PDB file of N, CA and C in Angstrom:
ATOM      1  N   MET A   1      14.712  -8.011  11.235  1.00  0.00           N
ATOM      2  CA  MET A   1      14.639  -6.924  10.264  1.00  0.00           C
ATOM      3  C   MET A   1      13.797  -5.790  10.858  1.00  0.00           C
ATOM      4  N   PRO A   2      14.211  -4.550  10.641  1.00  0.00           N
ATOM      5  CA  PRO A   2      13.433  -3.438  11.206  1.00  0.00           C
ATOM      6  C   PRO A   2      12.044  -3.331  10.561  1.00  0.00           C
ATOM      7  N   MET A   3      11.116  -2.778  11.321  1.00  0.00           N
ATOM      8  CA  MET A   3       9.761  -2.586  10.814  1.00  0.00           C
ATOM      9  C   MET A   3       9.632  -1.177  10.240  1.00  0.00           C
ATOM     10  N   GLU A   4       8.858  -1.087   9.179  1.00  0.00           N
ATOM     11  CA  GLU A   4       8.612   0.173   8.494  1.00  0.00           C
ATOM     12  C   GLU A   4       7.111   0.404   8.438  1.00  0.00           C
ATOM     13  N   TYR A   5       6.720   1.610   7.996  1.00  0.00           N
ATOM     14  CA  TYR A   5       5.308   1.989   8.013  1.00  0.00           C
ATOM     15  C   TYR A   5       4.878   2.521   6.657  1.00  0.00           C
ATOM     16  N   LEU A   6       3.665   2.151   6.259  1.00  0.00           N
ATOM     17  CA  LEU A   6       3.129   2.473   4.944  1.00  0.00           C
ATOM     18  C   LEU A   6       1.665   2.873   5.070  1.00  0.00           C
ATOM     19  N   ILE A   7       1.263   3.863   4.277  1.00  0.00           N
ATOM     20  CA  ILE A   7      -0.154   4.200   4.112  1.00  0.00           C
ATOM     21  C   ILE A   7      -0.458   4.134   2.625  1.00  0.00           C
ATOM     22  N   VAL A   8      -1.507   3.392   2.271  1.00  0.00           N
ATOM     23  CA  VAL A   8      -1.929   3.257   0.878  1.00  0.00           C
ATOM     24  C   VAL A   8      -3.217   4.058   0.706  1.00  0.00           C
ATOM     25  N   HIS A   9      -3.202   4.961  -0.258  1.00  0.00           N
ATOM     26  CA  HIS A   9      -4.357   5.837  -0.500  1.00  0.00           C
ATOM     27  C   HIS A   9      -5.204   5.316  -1.660  1.00  0.00           C
ATOM     28  N   PHE A  10      -6.511   5.363  -1.467  1.00  0.00           N
ATOM     29  CA  PHE A  10      -7.504   5.050  -2.500  1.00  0.00           C
ATOM     30  C   PHE A  10      -8.807   5.670  -2.012  1.00  0.00           C
ATOM     31  N   PRO A  11      -9.650   6.202  -2.931  1.00  0.00           N
ATOM     32  CA  PRO A  11     -10.864   6.903  -2.500  1.00  0.00           C
ATOM     33  C   PRO A  11     -11.861   6.056  -1.709  1.00  0.00           C
ATOM     34  N   ARG A  12     -11.810   4.729  -1.845  1.00  0.00           N
ATOM     35  CA  ARG A  12     -12.734   3.865  -1.114  1.00  0.00           C
ATOM     36  C   ARG A  12     -11.945   2.903  -0.238  1.00  0.00           C
ATOM     37  N   ARG A  13     -12.565   2.441   0.840  1.00  0.00           N
ATOM     38  CA  ARG A  13     -11.906   1.466   1.722  1.00  0.00           C
ATOM     39  C   ARG A  13     -11.677   0.176   0.938  1.00  0.00           C
ATOM     40  N   ARG A  14     -10.457  -0.302   0.970  1.00  0.00           N
ATOM     41  CA  ARG A  14     -10.098  -1.510   0.239  1.00  0.00           C
ATOM     42  C   ARG A  14      -9.026  -2.255   1.001  1.00  0.00           C
ATOM     43  N   ARG A  15      -9.037  -3.570   0.943  1.00  0.00           N
ATOM     44  CA  ARG A  15      -7.961  -4.354   1.558  1.00  0.00           C
ATOM     45  C   ARG A  15      -6.674  -4.120   0.772  1.00  0.00           C
ATOM     46  N   VAL A  16      -5.560  -4.096   1.477  1.00  0.00           N
ATOM     47  CA  VAL A  16      -4.253  -3.881   0.858  1.00  0.00           C
ATOM     48  C   VAL A  16      -3.506  -5.213   0.808  1.00  0.00           C
ATOM     49  N   LYS A  17      -2.977  -5.541  -0.374  1.00  0.00           N
ATOM     50  CA  LYS A  17      -2.170  -6.753  -0.541  1.00  0.00           C
ATOM     51  C   LYS A  17      -0.701  -6.346  -0.615  1.00  0.00           C
ATOM     52  N   ILE A  18       0.108  -6.987   0.193  1.00  0.00           N
ATOM     53  CA  ILE A  18       1.550  -6.757   0.160  1.00  0.00           C
ATOM     54  C   ILE A  18       2.210  -8.106  -0.076  1.00  0.00           C
ATOM     55  N   ASP A  19       2.935  -8.204  -1.179  1.00  0.00           N
ATOM     56  CA  ASP A  19       3.581  -9.461  -1.558  1.00  0.00           C
ATOM     57  C   ASP A  19       2.572 -10.615  -1.580  1.00  0.00           C
ATOM     58  N   ASP A  20       1.404 -10.365  -2.192  1.00  0.00           N
ATOM     59  CA  ASP A  20       0.335 -11.356  -2.383  1.00  0.00           C
ATOM     60  C   ASP A  20      -0.365 -11.808  -1.106  1.00  0.00           C
ATOM     61  N   GLU A  21      -0.204 -11.072  -0.009  1.00  0.00           N
ATOM     62  CA  GLU A  21      -0.933 -11.381   1.223  1.00  0.00           C
ATOM     63  C   GLU A  21      -1.646 -10.127   1.710  1.00  0.00           C
ATOM     64  N   PHE A  22      -2.892 -10.284   2.142  1.00  0.00           N
ATOM     65  CA  PHE A  22      -3.631  -9.144   2.660  1.00  0.00           C
ATOM     66  C   PHE A  22      -3.012  -8.692   3.975  1.00  0.00           C
ATOM     67  N   ASN A  23      -2.843  -7.370   4.085  1.00  0.00           N
ATOM     68  CA  ASN A  23      -2.176  -6.805   5.256  1.00  0.00           C
ATOM     69  C   ASN A  23      -2.717  -5.403   5.503  1.00  0.00           C
ATOM     70  N   GLY A  24      -3.909  -5.307   6.081  1.00  0.00           N
ATOM     71  CA  GLY A  24      -4.464  -4.002   6.415  1.00  0.00           C
ATOM     72  C   GLY A  24      -5.401  -3.455   5.363  1.00  0.00           C
ATOM     73  N   TYR A  25      -5.731  -2.174   5.533  1.00  0.00           N
ATOM     74  CA  TYR A  25      -6.688  -1.491   4.674  1.00  0.00           C
ATOM     75  C   TYR A  25      -6.143  -0.143   4.232  1.00  0.00           C
ATOM     76  N   THR A  26      -6.725   0.381   3.149  1.00  0.00           N
ATOM     77  CA  THR A  26      -6.354   1.711   2.678  1.00  0.00           C
ATOM     78  C   THR A  26      -6.616   2.740   3.774  1.00  0.00           C
ATOM     79  N   GLU A  27      -5.825   3.780   3.770  1.00  0.00           N
ATOM     80  CA  GLU A  27      -5.914   4.908   4.697  1.00  0.00           C
ATOM     81  C   GLU A  27      -5.609   4.540   6.144  1.00  0.00           C
ATOM     82  N   GLU A  28      -5.057   3.347   6.384  1.00  0.00           N
ATOM     83  CA  GLU A  28      -4.640   2.947   7.724  1.00  0.00           C
ATOM     84  C   GLU A  28      -3.141   2.698   7.734  1.00  0.00           C
ATOM     85  N   LEU A  29      -2.511   2.947   8.856  1.00  0.00           N
ATOM     86  CA  LEU A  29      -1.075   2.710   9.002  1.00  0.00           C
ATOM     87  C   LEU A  29      -0.813   1.205   9.002  1.00  0.00           C
ATOM     88  N   ILE A  30       0.059   0.761   8.090  1.00  0.00           N
ATOM     89  CA  ILE A  30       0.407  -0.650   7.966  1.00  0.00           C
ATOM     90  C   ILE A  30       1.871  -0.810   8.352  1.00  0.00           C
ATOM     91  N   GLU A  31       2.149  -1.765   9.219  1.00  0.00           N
ATOM     92  CA  GLU A  31       3.514  -2.026   9.670  1.00  0.00           C
ATOM     93  C   GLU A  31       4.032  -3.278   8.958  1.00  0.00           C
ATOM     94  N   ILE A  32       5.151  -3.137   8.227  1.00  0.00           N
ATOM     95  CA  ILE A  32       5.749  -4.275   7.527  1.00  0.00           C
ATOM     96  C   ILE A  32       7.268  -4.184   7.608  1.00  0.00           C
ATOM     97  N   GLU A  33       7.926  -5.280   7.285  1.00  0.00           N
ATOM     98  CA  GLU A  33       9.381  -5.316   7.338  1.00  0.00           C
ATOM     99  C   GLU A  33       9.989  -4.397   6.291  1.00  0.00           C
ATOM    100  N   ALA A  34      11.163  -3.876   6.609  1.00  0.00           N
ATOM    101  CA  ALA A  34      11.907  -3.052   5.659  1.00  0.00           C
ATOM    102  C   ALA A  34      12.230  -3.885   4.427  1.00  0.00           C
ATOM    103  N   GLY A  35      12.433  -3.206   3.312  1.00  0.00           N
ATOM    104  CA  GLY A  35      12.821  -3.896   2.080  1.00  0.00           C
ATOM    105  C   GLY A  35      11.904  -3.568   0.929  1.00  0.00           C
ATOM    106  N   ARG A  36      12.031  -4.353  -0.122  1.00  0.00           N
ATOM    107  CA  ARG A  36      11.269  -4.163  -1.359  1.00  0.00           C
ATOM    108  C   ARG A  36       9.993  -4.995  -1.293  1.00  0.00           C
ATOM    109  N   HIS A  37       8.864  -4.368  -1.644  1.00  0.00           N
ATOM    110  CA  HIS A  37       7.564  -5.039  -1.584  1.00  0.00           C
ATOM    111  C   HIS A  37       6.718  -4.673  -2.792  1.00  0.00           C
ATOM    112  N   VAL A  38       5.832  -5.601  -3.180  1.00  0.00           N
ATOM    113  CA  VAL A  38       4.845  -5.339  -4.227  1.00  0.00           C
ATOM    114  C   VAL A  38       3.511  -5.101  -3.533  1.00  0.00           C
ATOM    115  N   VAL A  39       2.935  -3.929  -3.781  1.00  0.00           N
ATOM    116  CA  VAL A  39       1.698  -3.504  -3.128  1.00  0.00           C
ATOM    117  C   VAL A  39       0.580  -3.452  -4.161  1.00  0.00           C
ATOM    118  N   SER A  40      -0.596  -3.966  -3.791  1.00  0.00           N
ATOM    119  CA  SER A  40      -1.775  -3.915  -4.637  1.00  0.00           C
ATOM    120  C   SER A  40      -3.001  -3.795  -3.735  1.00  0.00           C
ATOM    121  N   LEU A  41      -4.175  -3.798  -4.349  1.00  0.00           N
ATOM    122  CA  LEU A  41      -5.422  -3.721  -3.596  1.00  0.00           C
ATOM    123  C   LEU A  41      -6.253  -4.963  -3.842  1.00  0.00           C
ATOM    124  N   GLY A  42      -7.165  -5.248  -2.917  1.00  0.00           N
ATOM    125  CA  GLY A  42      -8.094  -6.357  -3.086  1.00  0.00           C
ATOM    126  C   GLY A  42      -9.240  -5.970  -4.011  1.00  0.00           C
ATOM    127  N   PRO A  43     -10.117  -6.939  -4.305  1.00  0.00           N
ATOM    128  CA  PRO A  43     -11.230  -6.697  -5.223  1.00  0.00           C
ATOM    129  C   PRO A  43     -12.225  -5.689  -4.669  1.00  0.00           C
ATOM    130  N   PRO A  44     -13.023  -5.057  -5.550  1.00  0.00           N
ATOM    131  CA  PRO A  44     -13.027  -5.235  -7.001  1.00  0.00           C
ATOM    132  C   PRO A  44     -11.807  -4.578  -7.637  1.00  0.00           C
ATOM    133  N   TYR A  45     -11.392  -5.126  -8.774  1.00  0.00           N
ATOM    134  CA  TYR A  45     -10.152  -4.664  -9.419  1.00  0.00           C
ATOM    135  C   TYR A  45     -10.421  -3.510 -10.376  1.00  0.00           C
ATOM    136  N   ASN A  46     -10.881  -2.410  -9.805  1.00  0.00           N
ATOM    137  CA  ASN A  46     -11.239  -1.216 -10.583  1.00  0.00           C
ATOM    138  C   ASN A  46     -10.296  -0.070 -10.223  1.00  0.00           C
ATOM    139  N   PHE A  47      -8.993  -0.357 -10.216  1.00  0.00           N
ATOM    140  CA  PHE A  47      -8.001   0.657  -9.843  1.00  0.00           C
ATOM    141  C   PHE A  47      -6.798   0.551 -10.768  1.00  0.00           C
ATOM    142  N   THR A  48      -6.003   1.586 -10.743  1.00  0.00           N
ATOM    143  CA  THR A  48      -4.793   1.628 -11.552  1.00  0.00           C
ATOM    144  C   THR A  48      -3.675   2.257 -10.739  1.00  0.00           C
ATOM    145  N   PRO A  49      -2.438   1.866 -10.891  1.00  0.00           N
ATOM    146  CA  PRO A  49      -1.957   0.710 -11.643  1.00  0.00           C
ATOM    147  C   PRO A  49      -2.340  -0.592 -10.945  1.00  0.00           C
ATOM    148  N   ASP A  50      -2.054  -1.728 -11.593  1.00  0.00           N
ATOM    149  CA  ASP A  50      -2.381  -3.031 -11.003  1.00  0.00           C
ATOM    150  C   ASP A  50      -1.622  -3.260  -9.705  1.00  0.00           C
ATOM    151  N   ASP A  51      -0.369  -2.796  -9.663  1.00  0.00           N
ATOM    152  CA  ASP A  51       0.436  -2.899  -8.446  1.00  0.00           C
ATOM    153  C   ASP A  51       1.557  -1.875  -8.490  1.00  0.00           C
ATOM    154  N   ARG A  52       2.197  -1.701  -7.364  1.00  0.00           N
ATOM    155  CA  ARG A  52       3.349  -0.799  -7.255  1.00  0.00           C
ATOM    156  C   ARG A  52       4.439  -1.523  -6.492  1.00  0.00           C
ATOM    157  N   THR A  53       5.667  -1.413  -6.977  1.00  0.00           N
ATOM    158  CA  THR A  53       6.808  -1.959  -6.253  1.00  0.00           C
ATOM    159  C   THR A  53       7.436  -0.807  -5.487  1.00  0.00           C
ATOM    160  N   ILE A  54       7.556  -0.978  -4.180  1.00  0.00           N
ATOM    161  CA  ILE A  54       8.102   0.084  -3.341  1.00  0.00           C
ATOM    162  C   ILE A  54       9.266  -0.455  -2.521  1.00  0.00           C
ATOM    163  N   SER A  55      10.132   0.438  -2.129  1.00  0.00           N
ATOM    164  CA  SER A  55      11.239   0.094  -1.251  1.00  0.00           C
ATOM    165  C   SER A  55      11.022   0.851   0.051  1.00  0.00           C
ATOM    166  N   LEU A  56      10.970   0.111   1.146  1.00  0.00           N
ATOM    167  CA  LEU A  56      10.707   0.723   2.445  1.00  0.00           C
ATOM    168  C   LEU A  56      11.962   0.754   3.298  1.00  0.00           C
ATOM    169  N   GLU A  57      12.353   1.959   3.679  1.00  0.00           N
ATOM    170  CA  GLU A  57      13.391   2.137   4.684  1.00  0.00           C
ATOM    171  C   GLU A  57      13.267   3.539   5.247  1.00  0.00           C
ATOM    172  N   ASP A  58      13.525   3.662   6.526  1.00  0.00           N
ATOM    173  CA  ASP A  58      13.425   4.939   7.239  1.00  0.00           C
ATOM    174  C   ASP A  58      12.025   5.534   7.193  1.00  0.00           C
ATOM    175  N   ALA A  59      10.992   4.678   7.195  1.00  0.00           N
ATOM    176  CA  ALA A  59       9.608   5.150   7.235  1.00  0.00           C
ATOM    177  C   ALA A  59       9.089   4.915   8.653  1.00  0.00           C
ATOM    178  N   SER A  60       8.716   5.979   9.323  1.00  0.00           N
ATOM    179  CA  SER A  60       8.296   5.877  10.722  1.00  0.00           C
ATOM    180  C   SER A  60       6.781   5.991  10.847  1.00  0.00           C
ATOM    181  N   GLU A  61       6.284   5.779  12.051  1.00  0.00           N
ATOM    182  CA  GLU A  61       4.854   5.975  12.301  1.00  0.00           C
ATOM    183  C   GLU A  61       4.463   7.424  12.051  1.00  0.00           C
ATOM    184  N   VAL A  62       5.365   8.346  12.354  1.00  0.00           N
ATOM    185  CA  VAL A  62       5.090   9.775  12.188  1.00  0.00           C
ATOM    186  C   VAL A  62       5.240  10.194  10.725  1.00  0.00           C
ATOM    187  N   GLU A  63       6.198   9.594  10.014  1.00  0.00           N
ATOM    188  CA  GLU A  63       6.418   9.905   8.601  1.00  0.00           C
ATOM    189  C   GLU A  63       6.460   8.612   7.792  1.00  0.00           C
ATOM    190  N   PRO A  64       5.277   7.989   7.579  1.00  0.00           N
ATOM    191  CA  PRO A  64       5.237   6.726   6.832  1.00  0.00           C
ATOM    192  C   PRO A  64       5.470   6.948   5.341  1.00  0.00           C
ATOM    193  N   ARG A  65       5.838   5.893   4.649  1.00  0.00           N
ATOM    194  CA  ARG A  65       5.906   5.911   3.184  1.00  0.00           C
ATOM    195  C   ARG A  65       4.468   5.899   2.717  1.00  0.00           C
ATOM    196  N   GLU A  66       4.152   6.660   1.679  1.00  0.00           N
ATOM    197  CA  GLU A  66       2.789   6.708   1.152  1.00  0.00           C
ATOM    198  C   GLU A  66       2.797   6.338  -0.319  1.00  0.00           C
ATOM    199  N   THR A  67       1.769   5.637  -0.751  1.00  0.00           N
ATOM    200  CA  THR A  67       1.583   5.321  -2.161  1.00  0.00           C
ATOM    201  C   THR A  67       0.088   5.419  -2.473  1.00  0.00           C
ATOM    202  N   THR A  68      -0.234   5.728  -3.722  1.00  0.00           N
ATOM    203  CA  THR A  68      -1.619   5.986  -4.102  1.00  0.00           C
ATOM    204  C   THR A  68      -2.029   5.152  -5.309  1.00  0.00           C
ATOM    205  N   PHE A  69      -3.246   4.638  -5.246  1.00  0.00           N
ATOM    206  CA  PHE A  69      -3.879   3.988  -6.400  1.00  0.00           C
ATOM    207  C   PHE A  69      -5.055   4.861  -6.819  1.00  0.00           C
ATOM    208  N   ASP A  70      -5.341   4.903  -8.095  1.00  0.00           N
ATOM    209  CA  ASP A  70      -6.440   5.703  -8.627  1.00  0.00           C
ATOM    210  C   ASP A  70      -7.559   4.806  -9.131  1.00  0.00           C
ATOM    211  N   PRO A  71      -8.805   5.292  -9.076  1.00  0.00           N
ATOM    212  CA  PRO A  71      -9.895   4.527  -9.664  1.00  0.00           C
ATOM    213  C   PRO A  71      -9.620   4.331 -11.162  1.00  0.00           C
ATOM    214  N   ALA A  72      -9.929   3.172 -11.694  1.00  0.00           N
ATOM    215  CA  ALA A  72      -9.720   2.909 -13.120  1.00  0.00           C
ATOM    216  C   ALA A  72     -10.512   3.904 -13.939  1.00  0.00           C
ATOM    217  N   GLY A  73      -9.899   4.406 -14.991  1.00  0.00           N
ATOM    218  CA  GLY A  73     -10.555   5.379 -15.850  1.00  0.00           C
ATOM    219  C   GLY A  73     -10.369   6.811 -15.394  1.00  0.00           C
ATOM    220  N   ALA A  74      -9.806   7.017 -14.202  1.00  0.00           N
ATOM    221  CA  ALA A  74      -9.561   8.388 -13.718  1.00  0.00           C
ATOM    222  C   ALA A  74      -8.337   8.960 -14.424  1.00  0.00           C
ATOM    223  N   ARG A  75      -8.359  10.250 -14.614  1.00  0.00           N
ATOM    224  CA  ARG A  75      -7.197  10.906 -15.248  1.00  0.00           C
ATOM    225  C   ARG A  75      -6.659  11.961 -14.328  1.00  0.00           C
TER     226      ARG A  75
END
């Protein structure tokens, strides 16, 4: 399966969970297989939403897919 690239944004450094396994950190380029994935962050659980389901295809190192989590209570 082809590899795709993802960057997860959050104001603080946090471990990134992809399909219930830790795989990298926020603000770093993460390489994962193409397809549908559930992305979340590691503890502390003070972010929103709880998780995001994303579909990865045609995401390169130069133009990765990006997703963002917000601090809980932020508007």
